[in-house]
C-alpha atoms as a PDB file:
ATOM      1  CA  MET A   1     180.655 138.755-217.350  1.00  0.00           C
ATOM      2  CA  LYS A   2     180.012 138.164-221.052  1.00  0.00           C
ATOM      3  CA  THR A   3     181.707 140.113-223.810  1.00  0.00           C
ATOM      4  CA  LEU A   4     181.733 139.905-227.587  1.00  0.00           C
ATOM      5  CA  SER A   5     184.690 139.814-229.959  1.00  0.00           C
ATOM      6  CA  LYS A   6     184.706 139.325-233.732  1.00  0.00           C
ATOM      7  CA  VAL A   7     186.972 136.819-235.502  1.00  0.00           C
ATOM      8  CA  THR A   8     188.880 138.209-238.500  1.00  0.00           C
ATOM      9  CA  THR A   9     189.450 136.450-241.822  1.00  0.00           C
ATOM     10  CA  LYS A  10     192.827 135.323-240.414  1.00  0.00           C
ATOM     11  CA  PHE A  11     191.008 133.796-237.401  1.00  0.00           C
ATOM     12  CA  GLN A  12     192.391 136.430-235.034  1.00  0.00           C
ATOM     13  CA  THR A  13     190.441 138.312-232.399  1.00  0.00           C
ATOM     14  CA  SER A  14     191.031 141.006-229.794  1.00  0.00           C
ATOM     15  CA  ILE A  15     190.651 140.312-226.108  1.00  0.00           C
ATOM     16  CA  PRO A  16     188.054 142.801-224.844  1.00  0.00           C
ATOM     17  CA  LYS A  17     189.309 145.479-222.455  1.00  0.00           C
ATOM     18  CA  GLU A  18     187.162 144.200-219.575  1.00  0.00           C
ATOM     19  CA  VAL A  19     188.712 140.734-219.887  1.00  0.00           C
ATOM     20  CA  ARG A  20     192.279 142.082-220.212  1.00  0.00           C
ATOM     21  CA  GLU A  21     191.845 144.216-217.111  1.00  0.00           C
ATOM     22  CA  ARG A  22     190.180 141.490-215.047  1.00  0.00           C
ATOM     23  CA  LEU A  23     192.878 138.918-215.910  1.00  0.00           C
ATOM     24  CA  ALA A  24     195.732 141.479-215.962  1.00  0.00           C
ATOM     25  CA  ILE A  25     196.703 140.464-219.493  1.00  0.00           C
ATOM     26  CA  HIS A  26     199.360 142.627-221.127  1.00  0.00           C
ATOM     27  CA  ALA A  27     201.154 142.628-224.479  1.00  0.00           C
ATOM     28  CA  GLY A  28     203.602 139.724-224.581  1.00  0.00           C
ATOM     29  CA  ASP A  29     201.662 137.597-222.084  1.00  0.00           C
ATOM     30  CA  TYR A  30     200.630 134.064-222.981  1.00  0.00           C
ATOM     31  CA  ILE A  31     197.123 132.675-222.757  1.00  0.00           C
ATOM     32  CA  THR A  32     195.688 129.191-223.110  1.00  0.00           C
ATOM     33  CA  PHE A  33     192.332 127.961-224.339  1.00  0.00           C
ATOM     34  CA  GLU A  34     190.664 124.984-222.687  1.00  0.00           C
ATOM     35  CA  ILE A  35     187.978 123.422-224.862  1.00  0.00           C
ATOM     36  CA  ARG A  36     185.053 121.536-223.331  1.00  0.00           C
ATOM     37  CA  GLY A  37     182.196 120.550-225.577  1.00  0.00           C
ATOM     38  CA  ASN A  38     181.264 123.586-227.636  1.00  0.00           C
ATOM     39  CA  SER A  39     182.837 126.115-225.227  1.00  0.00           C
ATOM     40  CA  ALA A  40     186.360 127.426-224.689  1.00  0.00           C
ATOM     41  CA  THR A  41     187.836 129.034-221.589  1.00  0.00           C
ATOM     42  CA  LEU A  42     190.656 131.569-221.891  1.00  0.00           C
ATOM     43  CA  LYS A  43     193.251 131.599-219.094  1.00  0.00           C
ATOM     44  CA  LYS A  44     196.328 133.746-218.555  1.00  0.00           C
ATOM     45  CA  VAL A  45     199.511 131.704-218.260  1.00  0.00           C
ATOM     46  CA  GLU A  46     201.221 132.775-215.051  1.00  0.00           C
ATOM     47  CA  LYS A  47     204.374 130.728-215.571  1.00  0.00           C
ATOM     48  CA  ILE A  48     205.309 128.628-218.554  1.00  0.00           C
ATOM     49  CA  ASP A  49     206.295 125.137-217.485  1.00  0.00           C
ATOM     50  CA  LYS A  50     207.268 121.848-219.073  1.00  0.00           C
ATOM     51  CA  ASN A  51     203.747 120.444-218.711  1.00  0.00           C
ATOM     52  CA  LEU A  52     202.363 123.324-220.757  1.00  0.00           C
ATOM     53  CA  LEU A  53     204.964 122.749-223.459  1.00  0.00           C
ATOM     54  CA  LYS A  54     204.016 119.051-223.649  1.00  0.00           C
ATOM     55  CA  LEU A  55     200.344 119.994-223.884  1.00  0.00           C
ATOM     56  CA  MET A  56     201.093 122.463-226.656  1.00  0.00           C
ATOM     57  CA  GLN A  57     203.168 119.923-228.578  1.00  0.00           C
ATOM     58  CA  LYS A  58     200.304 117.440-228.353  1.00  0.00           C
ATOM     59  CA  ASN A  59     197.514 119.854-229.284  1.00  0.00           C
ATOM     60  CA  MET A  60     199.191 122.239-231.702  1.00  0.00           C
ATOM     61  CA  GLN A  61     200.220 119.876-234.462  1.00  0.00           C
ATOM     62  CA  GLU A  62     198.735 122.270-237.008  1.00  0.00           C
ATOM     63  CA  TRP A  63     201.657 124.634-236.417  1.00  0.00           C
ATOM     64  CA  ASN A  64     203.624 124.196-239.607  1.00  0.00           C
ATOM     65  CA  SER A  65     204.875 127.542-240.882  1.00  0.00           C
ATOM     66  CA  LYS A  66     208.331 129.043-240.331  1.00  0.00           C
ATOM     67  CA  GLU A  67     206.802 131.740-238.114  1.00  0.00           C
ATOM     68  CA  ASP A  68     205.009 129.108-236.022  1.00  0.00           C
ATOM     69  CA  ASP A  69     208.266 127.166-235.604  1.00  0.00           C
ATOM     70  CA  LYS A  70     210.018 130.370-234.549  1.00  0.00           C
ATOM     71  CA  GLN A  71     207.368 131.112-231.904  1.00  0.00           C
ATOM     72  CA  PHE A  72     207.419 127.532-230.615  1.00  0.00           C
ATOM     73  CA  SER A  73     211.231 127.665-230.293  1.00  0.00           C
ATOM     74  CA  TYR A  74     210.825 130.895-228.338  1.00  0.00           C
ATOM     75  CA  LEU A  75     208.473 129.125-225.913  1.00  0.00           C
ATOM     76  CA  GLU A  76     210.893 126.223-225.506  1.00  0.00           C
ATOM     77  CA  ASN A  77     213.701 128.664-224.665  1.00  0.00           C
ATOM     78  CA  LEU A  78     211.527 130.400-222.067  1.00  0.00           C
ATOM     79  CA  ILE A  79     210.862 127.077-220.389  1.00  0.00           C
ATOM     80  CA  ARG A  80     214.539 126.117-220.330  1.00  0.00           C
ATOM     81  CA  LYS A  81     215.391 129.431-218.628  1.00  0.00           C
ATOM     82  CA  SER A  82     212.735 129.049-215.906  1.00  0.00           C
END
């Protein structure tokens, strides 16, 4: 299945309905992107774990706003509770 989605000026995009339904993605769910060459694969995160947090810390160094810090703290708290 191939679908098309446009990137906004804020580098945001919507996940097409067909993809959301197929992966059972709902509001509040987390997704990851795996980059290989010039392609990226989107995956639904079933359970947030410590390995994911380490991966995010390593690969998301561009997070530097107060809102980004708030969201990252939220993820850390989710992991501690699981």
